[in-house]
């Protein structure tokens, strides 16, 4: 819409300028620029003319696929793009991965473990698998941080323990939100000395309902807002 209107304005301006004196031409150009070529009148803004920020959304898709997909949709609606990463400790059925729209598989994350993917994917115990996946996710996030403008995670006790170490490894000021059922307790292990934003899920992260749809939407829009609106430079 913006580019189409811009072409119309330029074409109309060319026709007007052909028969005008030089001084009149300068005045007309100034008026046209002021009235028609500012971002607001074109129905767009400069921030949308630039590249859309990209958010990394992380969760265990084997249990929270629909919630992750919902958050991604709200992030996109708010003006940012989104990559969905699966960090399930155990294998996830392909239909769940497809339904959630996963773009970064658990195998891709696991491959970032110092001892390779087998050190994550072939562990029988859930606790050990969660710990190993957390190490792999931290390595992935620190390696790919320049590819993203923010990170959001969804989880209960296990997911929060898995995802937040990776968030803590990101630089201060890098937008990061963890929506968790653990927010009402001692959150110091999840935040550490970082600036991870902890948002209470209020209800269990187990499906979209009247409460979770509002909480998850707020988290998604907040995440997009952090990525879209950088702080002003201090001189």
C-alpha atoms as a PDB file:
ATOM      1  CA  UNK A   1       0.000   0.000   0.000  1.00  0.00           C
ATOM      2  CA  UNK A   2       2.792   2.411   0.916  1.00  0.00           C
ATOM      3  CA  UNK A   3       4.768   1.803  -2.302  1.00  0.00           C
ATOM      4  CA  UNK A   4       1.665   2.066  -4.511  1.00  0.00           C
ATOM      5  CA  UNK A   5       0.672   5.396  -2.994  1.00  0.00           C
ATOM      6  CA  UNK A   6       4.244   6.632  -3.264  1.00  0.00           C
ATOM      7  CA  UNK A   7       4.302   5.845  -7.000  1.00  0.00           C
ATOM      8  CA  UNK A   8       1.043   7.768  -7.507  1.00  0.00           C
ATOM      9  CA  UNK A   9       2.385  10.799  -5.643  1.00  0.00           C
ATOM     10  CA  UNK A  10       5.639  10.781  -7.653  1.00  0.00           C
ATOM     11  CA  UNK A  11       3.796  10.491 -10.997  1.00  0.00           C
ATOM     12  CA  UNK A  12       1.420  13.324 -10.128  1.00  0.00           C
ATOM     13  CA  UNK A  13       4.294  15.507  -8.985  1.00  0.00           C
ATOM     14  CA  UNK A  14       6.202  14.972 -12.239  1.00  0.00           C
ATOM     15  CA  UNK A  15       3.192  16.159 -14.252  1.00  0.00           C
ATOM     16  CA  UNK A  16       2.874  19.325 -12.150  1.00  0.00           C
ATOM     17  CA  UNK A  17       6.559  20.188 -12.355  1.00  0.00           C
ATOM     18  CA  UNK A  18       6.789  20.156 -16.147  1.00  0.00           C
ATOM     19  CA  UNK A  19       5.002  23.490 -16.555  1.00  0.00           C
ATOM     20  CA  UNK A  20       6.345  25.335 -13.484  1.00  0.00           C
ATOM     21  CA  UNK A  21       9.033  27.959 -13.094  1.00  0.00           C
ATOM     22  CA  UNK A  22      12.144  26.887 -11.104  1.00  0.00           C
ATOM     23  CA  UNK A  23      11.203  28.835  -7.953  1.00  0.00           C
ATOM     24  CA  UNK A  24       7.694  27.427  -8.038  1.00  0.00           C
ATOM     25  CA  UNK A  25       9.166  23.931  -8.483  1.00  0.00           C
ATOM     26  CA  UNK A  26      11.165  24.217  -5.239  1.00  0.00           C
ATOM     27  CA  UNK A  27       8.117  25.374  -3.279  1.00  0.00           C
ATOM     28  CA  UNK A  28       5.961  22.561  -4.692  1.00  0.00           C
ATOM     29  CA  UNK A  29       8.534  19.889  -3.873  1.00  0.00           C
ATOM     30  CA  UNK A  30       8.709  21.088  -0.307  1.00  0.00           C
ATOM     31  CA  UNK A  31       4.924  21.014   0.078  1.00  0.00           C
ATOM     32  CA  UNK A  32       4.590  17.569  -1.487  1.00  0.00           C
ATOM     33  CA  UNK A  33       7.313  16.146   0.741  1.00  0.00           C
ATOM     34  CA  UNK A  34       5.714  17.594   3.839  1.00  0.00           C
ATOM     35  CA  UNK A  35       2.182  16.483   3.041  1.00  0.00           C
ATOM     36  CA  UNK A  36       2.519  13.188   1.184  1.00  0.00           C
ATOM     37  CA  UNK A  37       5.923  11.650   1.763  1.00  0.00           C
ATOM     38  CA  UNK A  38       5.986  11.525   5.532  1.00  0.00           C
ATOM     39  CA  UNK A  39       5.589   7.977   6.963  1.00  0.00           C
ATOM     40  CA  UNK A  40       2.356   8.731   8.822  1.00  0.00           C
ATOM     41  CA  UNK A  41       0.433  10.005   5.791  1.00  0.00           C
ATOM     42  CA  UNK A  42       1.618   7.019   3.765  1.00  0.00           C
ATOM     43  CA  UNK A  43      -0.001   4.739   6.304  1.00  0.00           C
ATOM     44  CA  UNK A  44       3.266   3.203   7.406  1.00  0.00           C
ATOM     45  CA  UNK A  45       6.198   4.004   9.633  1.00  0.00           C
ATOM     46  CA  UNK A  46       9.945   3.946   9.251  1.00  0.00           C
ATOM     47  CA  UNK A  47      10.326   1.051  11.644  1.00  0.00           C
ATOM     48  CA  UNK A  48       8.174  -1.112   9.394  1.00  0.00           C
ATOM     49  CA  UNK A  49      10.087   0.024   6.330  1.00  0.00           C
ATOM     50  CA  UNK A  50      13.172  -1.617   7.829  1.00  0.00           C
ATOM     51  CA  UNK A  51      13.729  -5.310   8.487  1.00  0.00           C
ATOM     52  CA  UNK A  52      11.279  -6.880  10.923  1.00  0.00           C
ATOM     53  CA  UNK A  53      12.931  -8.075  14.129  1.00  0.00           C
ATOM     54  CA  UNK A  54      13.162 -11.822  14.657  1.00  0.00           C
ATOM     55  CA  UNK A  55      12.222 -13.513  17.925  1.00  0.00           C
ATOM     56  CA  UNK A  56      13.345 -16.937  19.111  1.00  0.00           C
ATOM     57  CA  UNK A  57      10.444 -18.726  20.831  1.00  0.00           C
ATOM     58  CA  UNK A  58      11.449 -21.797  22.813  1.00  0.00           C
ATOM     59  CA  UNK A  59       9.527 -24.549  24.583  1.00  0.00           C
ATOM     60  CA  UNK A  60       9.063 -28.292  24.872  1.00  0.00           C
ATOM     61  CA  UNK A  61       6.792 -28.980  21.929  1.00  0.00           C
ATOM     62  CA  UNK A  62       5.897 -32.466  23.124  1.00  0.00           C
ATOM     63  CA  UNK A  63       3.755 -30.846  25.843  1.00  0.00           C
ATOM     64  CA  UNK A  64       3.439 -27.167  24.853  1.00  0.00           C
ATOM     65  CA  UNK A  65       3.217 -27.099  21.079  1.00  0.00           C
ATOM     66  CA  UNK A  66      -0.146 -25.322  20.809  1.00  0.00           C
ATOM     67  CA  UNK A  67       0.913 -22.657  23.303  1.00  0.00           C
ATOM     68  CA  UNK A  68       4.171 -22.012  21.455  1.00  0.00           C
ATOM     69  CA  UNK A  69       2.334 -21.723  18.130  1.00  0.00           C
ATOM     70  CA  UNK A  70      -0.125 -19.272  19.692  1.00  0.00           C
ATOM     71  CA  UNK A  71       2.687 -17.098  21.060  1.00  0.00           C
ATOM     72  CA  UNK A  72       4.427 -17.106  17.674  1.00  0.00           C
ATOM     73  CA  UNK A  73       1.219 -16.001  15.955  1.00  0.00           C
ATOM     74  CA  UNK A  74       0.773 -13.099  18.376  1.00  0.00           C
ATOM     75  CA  UNK A  75       4.399 -12.031  17.953  1.00  0.00           C
ATOM     76  CA  UNK A  76       3.915 -11.941  14.192  1.00  0.00           C
ATOM     77  CA  UNK A  77       0.661 -10.026  14.593  1.00  0.00           C
ATOM     78  CA  UNK A  78       2.545  -7.468  16.700  1.00  0.00           C
ATOM     79  CA  UNK A  79       5.073  -6.798  13.940  1.00  0.00           C
ATOM     80  CA  UNK A  80       7.970  -9.219  14.441  1.00  0.00           C
ATOM     81  CA  UNK A  81       8.983 -12.519  12.860  1.00  0.00           C
ATOM     82  CA  UNK A  82       9.402 -15.672  14.902  1.00  0.00           C
ATOM     83  CA  UNK A  83      11.449 -18.866  14.869  1.00  0.00           C
ATOM     84  CA  UNK A  84      10.115 -21.772  16.951  1.00  0.00           C
ATOM     85  CA  UNK A  85      12.619 -24.047  18.682  1.00  0.00           C
ATOM     86  CA  UNK A  86      11.761 -27.431  20.183  1.00  0.00           C
ATOM     87  CA  UNK A  87      13.788 -28.383  23.260  1.00  0.00           C
ATOM     88  CA  UNK A  88      11.825 -31.485  24.268  1.00  0.00           C
ATOM     89  CA  UNK A  89      13.976 -33.854  26.282  1.00  0.00           C
ATOM     90  CA  UNK A  90      12.253 -36.805  24.625  1.00  0.00           C
ATOM     91  CA  UNK A  91      11.340 -37.302  20.977  1.00  0.00           C
ATOM     92  CA  UNK A  92       8.226 -35.500  19.755  1.00  0.00           C
ATOM     93  CA  UNK A  93       5.726 -36.944  17.281  1.00  0.00           C
ATOM     94  CA  UNK A  94       6.046 -35.426  13.821  1.00  0.00           C
ATOM     95  CA  UNK A  95       2.404 -34.349  13.713  1.00  0.00           C
ATOM     96  CA  UNK A  96       2.934 -32.220  16.831  1.00  0.00           C
ATOM     97  CA  UNK A  97       6.036 -30.610  15.308  1.00  0.00           C
ATOM     98  CA  UNK A  98       4.135 -29.827  12.120  1.00  0.00           C
ATOM     99  CA  UNK A  99       1.108 -28.452  13.961  1.00  0.00           C
ATOM    100  CA  UNK A 100       3.275 -26.177  16.098  1.00  0.00           C
ATOM    101  CA  UNK A 101       5.237 -24.911  13.095  1.00  0.00           C
ATOM    102  CA  UNK A 102       8.642 -25.792  14.555  1.00  0.00           C
ATOM    103  CA  UNK A 103      11.481 -24.297  12.504  1.00  0.00           C
ATOM    104  CA  UNK A 104      14.410 -25.303  14.733  1.00  0.00           C
ATOM    105  CA  UNK A 105      14.358 -28.982  15.678  1.00  0.00           C
ATOM    106  CA  UNK A 106      15.526 -30.561  18.917  1.00  0.00           C
ATOM    107  CA  UNK A 107      18.191 -32.342  16.861  1.00  0.00           C
ATOM    108  CA  UNK A 108      19.575 -28.992  15.691  1.00  0.00           C
ATOM    109  CA  UNK A 109      19.731 -27.737  19.275  1.00  0.00           C
ATOM    110  CA  UNK A 110      21.200 -31.018  20.566  1.00  0.00           C
ATOM    111  CA  UNK A 111      23.996 -30.873  17.995  1.00  0.00           C
ATOM    112  CA  UNK A 112      25.349 -27.816  19.827  1.00  0.00           C
ATOM    113  CA  UNK A 113      26.215 -29.867  22.918  1.00  0.00           C
ATOM    114  CA  UNK A 114      29.992 -30.012  23.494  1.00  0.00           C
ATOM    115  CA  UNK A 115      29.885 -33.816  23.162  1.00  0.00           C
ATOM    116  CA  UNK A 116      27.522 -33.874  20.201  1.00  0.00           C
ATOM    117  CA  UNK A 117      23.839 -34.641  19.725  1.00  0.00           C
ATOM    118  CA  UNK A 118      24.122 -38.179  21.116  1.00  0.00           C
ATOM    119  CA  UNK A 119      24.952 -36.725  24.530  1.00  0.00           C
ATOM    120  CA  UNK A 120      21.448 -35.214  24.545  1.00  0.00           C
ATOM    121  CA  UNK A 121      19.194 -37.421  22.458  1.00  0.00           C
ATOM    122  CA  UNK A 122      20.236 -40.824  23.756  1.00  0.00           C
ATOM    123  CA  UNK A 123      19.785 -40.246  27.480  1.00  0.00           C
ATOM    124  CA  UNK A 124      17.112 -42.376  29.136  1.00  0.00           C
ATOM    125  CA  UNK A 125      16.664 -40.366  32.335  1.00  0.00           C
ATOM    126  CA  UNK A 126      14.473 -37.264  31.928  1.00  0.00           C
ATOM    127  CA  UNK A 127      16.403 -35.190  34.467  1.00  0.00           C
ATOM    128  CA  UNK A 128      19.750 -35.847  32.814  1.00  0.00           C
ATOM    129  CA  UNK A 129      18.237 -35.245  29.378  1.00  0.00           C
ATOM    130  CA  UNK A 130      16.846 -31.864  30.477  1.00  0.00           C
ATOM    131  CA  UNK A 131      20.240 -30.828  31.844  1.00  0.00           C
ATOM    132  CA  UNK A 132      22.011 -31.895  28.662  1.00  0.00           C
ATOM    133  CA  UNK A 133      19.482 -30.116  26.449  1.00  0.00           C
ATOM    134  CA  UNK A 134      19.920 -26.953  28.540  1.00  0.00           C
ATOM    135  CA  UNK A 135      23.666 -27.014  27.882  1.00  0.00           C
ATOM    136  CA  UNK A 136      23.031 -27.489  24.172  1.00  0.00           C
ATOM    137  CA  UNK A 137      20.458 -24.668  24.084  1.00  0.00           C
ATOM    138  CA  UNK A 138      22.842 -22.300  25.849  1.00  0.00           C
ATOM    139  CA  UNK A 139      25.526 -23.019  23.263  1.00  0.00           C
ATOM    140  CA  UNK A 140      23.052 -22.595  20.418  1.00  0.00           C
ATOM    141  CA  UNK A 141      21.709 -19.296  21.733  1.00  0.00           C
ATOM    142  CA  UNK A 142      25.119 -17.752  22.386  1.00  0.00           C
ATOM    143  CA  UNK A 143      26.296 -18.824  18.941  1.00  0.00           C
ATOM    144  CA  UNK A 144      23.204 -17.542  17.120  1.00  0.00           C
ATOM    145  CA  UNK A 145      22.439 -14.471  19.263  1.00  0.00           C
ATOM    146  CA  UNK A 146      23.224 -12.087  16.416  1.00  0.00           C
ATOM    147  CA  UNK A 147      20.488 -13.755  14.328  1.00  0.00           C
ATOM    148  CA  UNK A 148      17.721 -12.832  16.790  1.00  0.00           C
ATOM    149  CA  UNK A 149      16.396  -9.671  18.419  1.00  0.00           C
ATOM    150  CA  UNK A 150      14.740 -11.304  21.414  1.00  0.00           C
ATOM    151  CA  UNK A 151      13.994 -14.624  23.101  1.00  0.00           C
ATOM    152  CA  UNK A 152      10.827 -15.870  24.775  1.00  0.00           C
ATOM    153  CA  UNK A 153      10.324 -19.158  26.584  1.00  0.00           C
ATOM    154  CA  UNK A 154       7.333 -21.086  27.954  1.00  0.00           C
ATOM    155  CA  UNK A 155       7.611 -23.682  30.665  1.00  0.00           C
ATOM    156  CA  UNK A 156       6.728 -25.335  33.912  1.00  0.00           C
ATOM    157  CA  UNK A 157       9.390 -26.326  36.397  1.00  0.00           C
ATOM    158  CA  UNK A 158      11.398 -28.467  33.983  1.00  0.00           C
ATOM    159  CA  UNK A 159      11.095 -26.151  30.996  1.00  0.00           C
ATOM    160  CA  UNK A 160      12.009 -23.089  33.061  1.00  0.00           C
ATOM    161  CA  UNK A 161      15.101 -24.811  34.443  1.00  0.00           C
ATOM    162  CA  UNK A 162      16.043 -25.830  30.899  1.00  0.00           C
ATOM    163  CA  UNK A 163      15.489 -22.510  29.107  1.00  0.00           C
ATOM    164  CA  UNK A 164      16.570 -19.790  31.560  1.00  0.00           C
ATOM    165  CA  UNK A 165      20.299 -20.710  31.678  1.00  0.00           C
ATOM    166  CA  UNK A 166      20.419 -19.911  27.964  1.00  0.00           C
ATOM    167  CA  UNK A 167      18.688 -16.582  28.605  1.00  0.00           C
ATOM    168  CA  UNK A 168      21.157 -15.759  31.362  1.00  0.00           C
ATOM    169  CA  UNK A 169      23.998 -16.283  28.875  1.00  0.00           C
ATOM    170  CA  UNK A 170      22.660 -13.520  26.615  1.00  0.00           C
ATOM    171  CA  UNK A 171      23.947  -9.940  26.980  1.00  0.00           C
ATOM    172  CA  UNK A 172      22.277  -7.474  29.314  1.00  0.00           C
ATOM    173  CA  UNK A 173      19.680  -5.499  27.408  1.00  0.00           C
ATOM    174  CA  UNK A 174      18.934  -8.339  25.006  1.00  0.00           C
ATOM    175  CA  UNK A 175      15.129  -8.811  25.307  1.00  0.00           C
ATOM    176  CA  UNK A 176      14.208 -12.048  27.071  1.00  0.00           C
ATOM    177  CA  UNK A 177      10.942 -13.159  28.664  1.00  0.00           C
ATOM    178  CA  UNK A 178      10.191 -16.410  30.466  1.00  0.00           C
ATOM    179  CA  UNK A 179       6.528 -17.269  30.968  1.00  0.00           C
ATOM    180  CA  UNK A 180       6.496 -19.765  33.797  1.00  0.00           C
ATOM    181  CA  UNK A 181       4.436 -21.470  36.451  1.00  0.00           C
ATOM    182  CA  UNK A 182       7.358 -20.950  38.852  1.00  0.00           C
ATOM    183  CA  UNK A 183       7.096 -17.148  39.056  1.00  0.00           C
ATOM    184  CA  UNK A 184       5.432 -17.094  42.482  1.00  0.00           C
ATOM    185  CA  UNK A 185       8.352 -18.854  44.194  1.00  0.00           C
ATOM    186  CA  UNK A 186      12.077 -18.219  44.495  1.00  0.00           C
ATOM    187  CA  UNK A 187      13.075 -17.206  40.980  1.00  0.00           C
ATOM    188  CA  UNK A 188      16.713 -16.355  41.741  1.00  0.00           C
ATOM    189  CA  UNK A 189      18.022 -19.550  40.058  1.00  0.00           C
ATOM    190  CA  UNK A 190      16.184 -18.577  36.864  1.00  0.00           C
ATOM    191  CA  UNK A 191      17.347 -14.955  36.775  1.00  0.00           C
ATOM    192  CA  UNK A 192      20.801 -15.023  38.353  1.00  0.00           C
ATOM    193  CA  UNK A 193      22.594 -11.754  37.693  1.00  0.00           C
ATOM    194  CA  UNK A 194      20.895 -11.277  34.321  1.00  0.00           C
ATOM    195  CA  UNK A 195      17.864  -9.231  33.258  1.00  0.00           C
ATOM    196  CA  UNK A 196      15.520 -12.104  32.370  1.00  0.00           C
ATOM    197  CA  UNK A 197      11.920 -10.901  32.611  1.00  0.00           C
ATOM    198  CA  UNK A 198       9.840 -13.466  34.501  1.00  0.00           C
ATOM    199  CA  UNK A 199       6.116 -13.450  33.711  1.00  0.00           C
ATOM    200  CA  UNK A 200       3.692 -15.565  35.768  1.00  0.00           C
ATOM    201  CA  UNK A 201       1.608 -17.890  33.638  1.00  0.00           C
ATOM    202  CA  UNK A 202      -1.092 -17.802  36.372  1.00  0.00           C
ATOM    203  CA  UNK A 203      -2.411 -21.144  35.135  1.00  0.00           C
ATOM    204  CA  UNK A 204      -0.519 -24.221  34.036  1.00  0.00           C
ATOM    205  CA  UNK A 205       0.974 -23.935  30.551  1.00  0.00           C
ATOM    206  CA  UNK A 206      -1.248 -26.706  29.240  1.00  0.00           C
ATOM    207  CA  UNK A 207      -3.504 -25.515  26.449  1.00  0.00           C
ATOM    208  CA  UNK A 208      -5.139 -22.267  25.412  1.00  0.00           C
ATOM    209  CA  UNK A 209      -7.985 -21.149  27.652  1.00  0.00           C
ATOM    210  CA  UNK A 210      -9.655 -17.923  28.812  1.00  0.00           C
ATOM    211  CA  UNK A 211      -6.723 -17.040  31.078  1.00  0.00           C
ATOM    212  CA  UNK A 212      -3.709 -18.409  29.211  1.00  0.00           C
ATOM    213  CA  UNK A 213      -4.719 -16.740  25.935  1.00  0.00           C
ATOM    214  CA  UNK A 214      -4.527 -13.329  27.626  1.00  0.00           C
ATOM    215  CA  UNK A 215      -1.309 -14.012  29.538  1.00  0.00           C
ATOM    216  CA  UNK A 216       0.469 -15.484  26.521  1.00  0.00           C
ATOM    217  CA  UNK A 217      -0.753 -12.687  24.267  1.00  0.00           C
ATOM    218  CA  UNK A 218       0.581 -10.082  26.700  1.00  0.00           C
ATOM    219  CA  UNK A 219       3.937 -11.840  26.831  1.00  0.00           C
ATOM    220  CA  UNK A 220       4.125 -12.093  23.033  1.00  0.00           C
ATOM    221  CA  UNK A 221       3.224  -8.448  22.453  1.00  0.00           C
ATOM    222  CA  UNK A 222       5.678  -7.349  25.159  1.00  0.00           C
ATOM    223  CA  UNK A 223       8.395  -9.395  23.476  1.00  0.00           C
ATOM    224  CA  UNK A 224       7.681  -7.861  20.078  1.00  0.00           C
ATOM    225  CA  UNK A 225       7.594  -4.389  21.613  1.00  0.00           C
ATOM    226  CA  UNK A 226      11.007  -4.851  23.234  1.00  0.00           C
ATOM    227  CA  UNK A 227      12.483  -5.904  19.899  1.00  0.00           C
ATOM    228  CA  UNK A 228      10.759  -3.209  17.849  1.00  0.00           C
ATOM    229  CA  UNK A 229      11.487  -0.252  20.104  1.00  0.00           C
ATOM    230  CA  UNK A 230      15.137   0.039  20.989  1.00  0.00           C
ATOM    231  CA  UNK A 231      16.164   2.528  23.700  1.00  0.00           C
ATOM    232  CA  UNK A 232      17.363   5.949  22.529  1.00  0.00           C
ATOM    233  CA  UNK A 233      21.101   6.538  22.407  1.00  0.00           C
ATOM    234  CA  UNK A 234      22.547   8.410  25.361  1.00  0.00           C
ATOM    235  CA  UNK A 235      24.849  11.230  24.372  1.00  0.00           C
END
